[in-house]
C-alpha cells in the first residue's frame, strides 16, 4: 500500500502492522474486529480517522490495547508498563505517575555530578 497520503497516526501504525505481517490482511482484520470487511481498507484509502471505539476493536483483534498499540514502548518491560497502566483506574494512574516522578527525581539526584569532566 502507498502511504504517501496517510497522516493519521493510528492509521500509519496500522498500515505498518498489516504490511509487516504476511498473514494479516486489512479485510481479515476488519472481520475479526467485527467490522465490515472493507472498513479498514476504506480508512486507509481515505485517511479517515476512526472513532476510538473502532480503534479499540481493531486493537483487540490484534491482541493488544489501543494504549499499547500507540505507545512508543520498545522493550517488553516498557510494553508491560503501558499495558498495566492502561488497566488502572484514574486515581491509581495518578498515584503511579507520582511514584514514577519521585523515582526519576531520586535517580537524578543519585547520579554523581561532574563525573564526565573528571574522566
C-alpha atoms as a PDB file:
ATOM      1  CA  UNK A   1       0.000   0.000   0.000  1.00  0.00           C
ATOM      2  CA  UNK A   2       1.134   3.532  -0.710  1.00  0.00           C
ATOM      3  CA  UNK A   3       1.115   5.567   2.493  1.00  0.00           C
ATOM      4  CA  UNK A   4       2.025   8.975   0.993  1.00  0.00           C
ATOM      5  CA  UNK A   5      -1.407  10.368   1.838  1.00  0.00           C
ATOM      6  CA  UNK A   6      -1.813   8.811   5.299  1.00  0.00           C
ATOM      7  CA  UNK A   7      -1.208  11.267   8.111  1.00  0.00           C
ATOM      8  CA  UNK A   8      -3.385   9.876  10.907  1.00  0.00           C
ATOM      9  CA  UNK A   9      -1.031   8.259  13.478  1.00  0.00           C
ATOM     10  CA  UNK A  10      -3.258   5.261  14.211  1.00  0.00           C
ATOM     11  CA  UNK A  11      -3.628   4.506  10.513  1.00  0.00           C
ATOM     12  CA  UNK A  12       0.116   4.837   9.920  1.00  0.00           C
ATOM     13  CA  UNK A  13       0.829   2.288  12.630  1.00  0.00           C
ATOM     14  CA  UNK A  14      -1.985   0.048  11.461  1.00  0.00           C
ATOM     15  CA  UNK A  15      -0.705   0.053   7.891  1.00  0.00           C
ATOM     16  CA  UNK A  16       2.822  -0.739   9.099  1.00  0.00           C
ATOM     17  CA  UNK A  17       1.449  -3.612  11.164  1.00  0.00           C
ATOM     18  CA  UNK A  18      -0.515  -5.038   8.249  1.00  0.00           C
ATOM     19  CA  UNK A  19       2.443  -4.709   5.868  1.00  0.00           C
ATOM     20  CA  UNK A  20       4.857  -6.326   8.323  1.00  0.00           C
ATOM     21  CA  UNK A  21       2.714  -9.457   8.867  1.00  0.00           C
ATOM     22  CA  UNK A  22       2.224 -11.565   5.747  1.00  0.00           C
ATOM     23  CA  UNK A  23      -0.620 -13.459   7.439  1.00  0.00           C
ATOM     24  CA  UNK A  24      -2.565 -10.271   8.204  1.00  0.00           C
ATOM     25  CA  UNK A  25      -4.869  -8.580   5.730  1.00  0.00           C
ATOM     26  CA  UNK A  26      -6.991  -5.477   6.132  1.00  0.00           C
ATOM     27  CA  UNK A  27     -10.135  -7.443   5.274  1.00  0.00           C
ATOM     28  CA  UNK A  28      -9.342 -10.305   7.632  1.00  0.00           C
ATOM     29  CA  UNK A  29      -8.528  -7.928  10.473  1.00  0.00           C
ATOM     30  CA  UNK A  30     -11.716  -5.957   9.879  1.00  0.00           C
ATOM     31  CA  UNK A  31     -13.832  -9.100  10.076  1.00  0.00           C
ATOM     32  CA  UNK A  32     -12.009 -10.262  13.208  1.00  0.00           C
ATOM     33  CA  UNK A  33     -12.704  -6.838  14.747  1.00  0.00           C
ATOM     34  CA  UNK A  34     -16.410  -7.126  13.930  1.00  0.00           C
ATOM     35  CA  UNK A  35     -16.309  -4.518  11.169  1.00  0.00           C
ATOM     36  CA  UNK A  36     -17.336  -4.619   7.523  1.00  0.00           C
ATOM     37  CA  UNK A  37     -14.615  -6.399   5.545  1.00  0.00           C
ATOM     38  CA  UNK A  38     -13.759  -3.214   3.622  1.00  0.00           C
ATOM     39  CA  UNK A  39     -13.768  -0.880   6.648  1.00  0.00           C
ATOM     40  CA  UNK A  40     -10.008  -0.841   7.263  1.00  0.00           C
ATOM     41  CA  UNK A  41      -9.157  -0.599   3.553  1.00  0.00           C
ATOM     42  CA  UNK A  42     -11.533   2.346   3.309  1.00  0.00           C
ATOM     43  CA  UNK A  43      -9.993   4.074   6.344  1.00  0.00           C
ATOM     44  CA  UNK A  44      -6.507   3.640   4.885  1.00  0.00           C
ATOM     45  CA  UNK A  45      -7.515   4.743   1.398  1.00  0.00           C
ATOM     46  CA  UNK A  46      -9.325   7.864   2.622  1.00  0.00           C
ATOM     47  CA  UNK A  47      -7.044   8.682   5.584  1.00  0.00           C
ATOM     48  CA  UNK A  48     -10.258   8.639   7.624  1.00  0.00           C
ATOM     49  CA  UNK A  49      -9.687   8.851  11.368  1.00  0.00           C
ATOM     50  CA  UNK A  50     -11.608   6.033  13.028  1.00  0.00           C
ATOM     51  CA  UNK A  51     -13.587   6.538  16.197  1.00  0.00           C
ATOM     52  CA  UNK A  52     -11.925   5.464  19.435  1.00  0.00           C
ATOM     53  CA  UNK A  53     -14.362   2.560  19.783  1.00  0.00           C
ATOM     54  CA  UNK A  54     -13.353   1.326  16.325  1.00  0.00           C
ATOM     55  CA  UNK A  55      -9.659   1.664  17.134  1.00  0.00           C
ATOM     56  CA  UNK A  56     -10.209  -0.354  20.308  1.00  0.00           C
ATOM     57  CA  UNK A  57     -11.975  -3.110  18.346  1.00  0.00           C
ATOM     58  CA  UNK A  58      -9.130  -3.263  15.844  1.00  0.00           C
ATOM     59  CA  UNK A  59      -6.525  -3.381  18.613  1.00  0.00           C
ATOM     60  CA  UNK A  60      -8.439  -6.121  20.428  1.00  0.00           C
ATOM     61  CA  UNK A  61      -8.458  -8.130  17.196  1.00  0.00           C
ATOM     62  CA  UNK A  62      -4.685  -7.635  17.063  1.00  0.00           C
ATOM     63  CA  UNK A  63      -4.402  -8.919  20.635  1.00  0.00           C
ATOM     64  CA  UNK A  64      -3.378  -5.608  22.160  1.00  0.00           C
ATOM     65  CA  UNK A  65      -4.832  -2.461  23.675  1.00  0.00           C
ATOM     66  CA  UNK A  66      -5.086   0.927  21.989  1.00  0.00           C
ATOM     67  CA  UNK A  67      -2.699   2.376  24.555  1.00  0.00           C
ATOM     68  CA  UNK A  68      -0.111  -0.306  23.935  1.00  0.00           C
ATOM     69  CA  UNK A  69      -0.535  -0.130  20.159  1.00  0.00           C
ATOM     70  CA  UNK A  70       0.013   3.629  20.111  1.00  0.00           C
ATOM     71  CA  UNK A  71       2.832   3.727  22.643  1.00  0.00           C
ATOM     72  CA  UNK A  72       6.445   4.063  21.670  1.00  0.00           C
ATOM     73  CA  UNK A  73       7.370   1.271  24.060  1.00  0.00           C
ATOM     74  CA  UNK A  74      10.180  -0.803  22.608  1.00  0.00           C
ATOM     75  CA  UNK A  75      11.250  -3.312  25.243  1.00  0.00           C
ATOM     76  CA  UNK A  76       8.998  -5.929  26.769  1.00  0.00           C
ATOM     77  CA  UNK A  77       9.277  -4.108  30.107  1.00  0.00           C
ATOM     78  CA  UNK A  78       8.118  -0.822  28.560  1.00  0.00           C
ATOM     79  CA  UNK A  79       5.237  -2.603  26.856  1.00  0.00           C
ATOM     80  CA  UNK A  80       4.230  -4.234  30.138  1.00  0.00           C
ATOM     81  CA  UNK A  81       4.270  -0.871  31.910  1.00  0.00           C
ATOM     82  CA  UNK A  82       1.981   0.595  29.246  1.00  0.00           C
ATOM     83  CA  UNK A  83      -0.343  -2.435  29.450  1.00  0.00           C
ATOM     84  CA  UNK A  84      -0.524  -2.317  33.240  1.00  0.00           C
ATOM     85  CA  UNK A  85      -1.032   1.442  33.290  1.00  0.00           C
ATOM     86  CA  UNK A  86      -3.969   1.121  30.884  1.00  0.00           C
ATOM     87  CA  UNK A  87      -5.684  -1.315  33.262  1.00  0.00           C
ATOM     88  CA  UNK A  88      -5.640   1.054  36.239  1.00  0.00           C
ATOM     89  CA  UNK A  89      -8.494   3.343  37.248  1.00  0.00           C
ATOM     90  CA  UNK A  90      -7.712   7.071  37.005  1.00  0.00           C
ATOM     91  CA  UNK A  91      -6.893   7.656  40.713  1.00  0.00           C
ATOM     92  CA  UNK A  92      -4.339   4.835  40.683  1.00  0.00           C
ATOM     93  CA  UNK A  93      -2.861   6.143  37.427  1.00  0.00           C
ATOM     94  CA  UNK A  94      -2.236   9.458  39.165  1.00  0.00           C
ATOM     95  CA  UNK A  95      -0.624   7.704  42.151  1.00  0.00           C
ATOM     96  CA  UNK A  96       1.601   5.683  39.851  1.00  0.00           C
ATOM     97  CA  UNK A  97       2.635   8.815  37.952  1.00  0.00           C
ATOM     98  CA  UNK A  98       3.574  10.490  41.238  1.00  0.00           C
ATOM     99  CA  UNK A  99       5.592   7.467  42.283  1.00  0.00           C
ATOM    100  CA  UNK A 100       7.333   7.345  38.909  1.00  0.00           C
ATOM    101  CA  UNK A 101       8.214  11.026  39.080  1.00  0.00           C
ATOM    102  CA  UNK A 102       9.637  10.502  42.566  1.00  0.00           C
ATOM    103  CA  UNK A 103      11.748   7.576  41.370  1.00  0.00           C
ATOM    104  CA  UNK A 104      13.051   9.592  38.406  1.00  0.00           C
ATOM    105  CA  UNK A 105      13.923  12.542  40.655  1.00  0.00           C
ATOM    106  CA  UNK A 106      15.698  10.261  43.128  1.00  0.00           C
ATOM    107  CA  UNK A 107      17.653   8.640  40.292  1.00  0.00           C
ATOM    108  CA  UNK A 108      18.714  12.078  39.016  1.00  0.00           C
ATOM    109  CA  UNK A 109      19.905  13.097  42.472  1.00  0.00           C
ATOM    110  CA  UNK A 110      21.876   9.881  42.971  1.00  0.00           C
ATOM    111  CA  UNK A 111      23.945  10.470  39.810  1.00  0.00           C
ATOM    112  CA  UNK A 112      27.369  11.900  40.679  1.00  0.00           C
ATOM    113  CA  UNK A 113      27.808  15.438  39.373  1.00  0.00           C
ATOM    114  CA  UNK A 114      30.704  16.225  37.088  1.00  0.00           C
ATOM    115  CA  UNK A 115      31.889  12.657  36.520  1.00  0.00           C
ATOM    116  CA  UNK A 116      32.274  13.290  32.802  1.00  0.00           C
ATOM    117  CA  UNK A 117      34.637  16.193  33.424  1.00  0.00           C
ATOM    118  CA  UNK A 118      36.958  14.079  35.607  1.00  0.00           C
ATOM    119  CA  UNK A 119      37.393  11.323  33.016  1.00  0.00           C
END
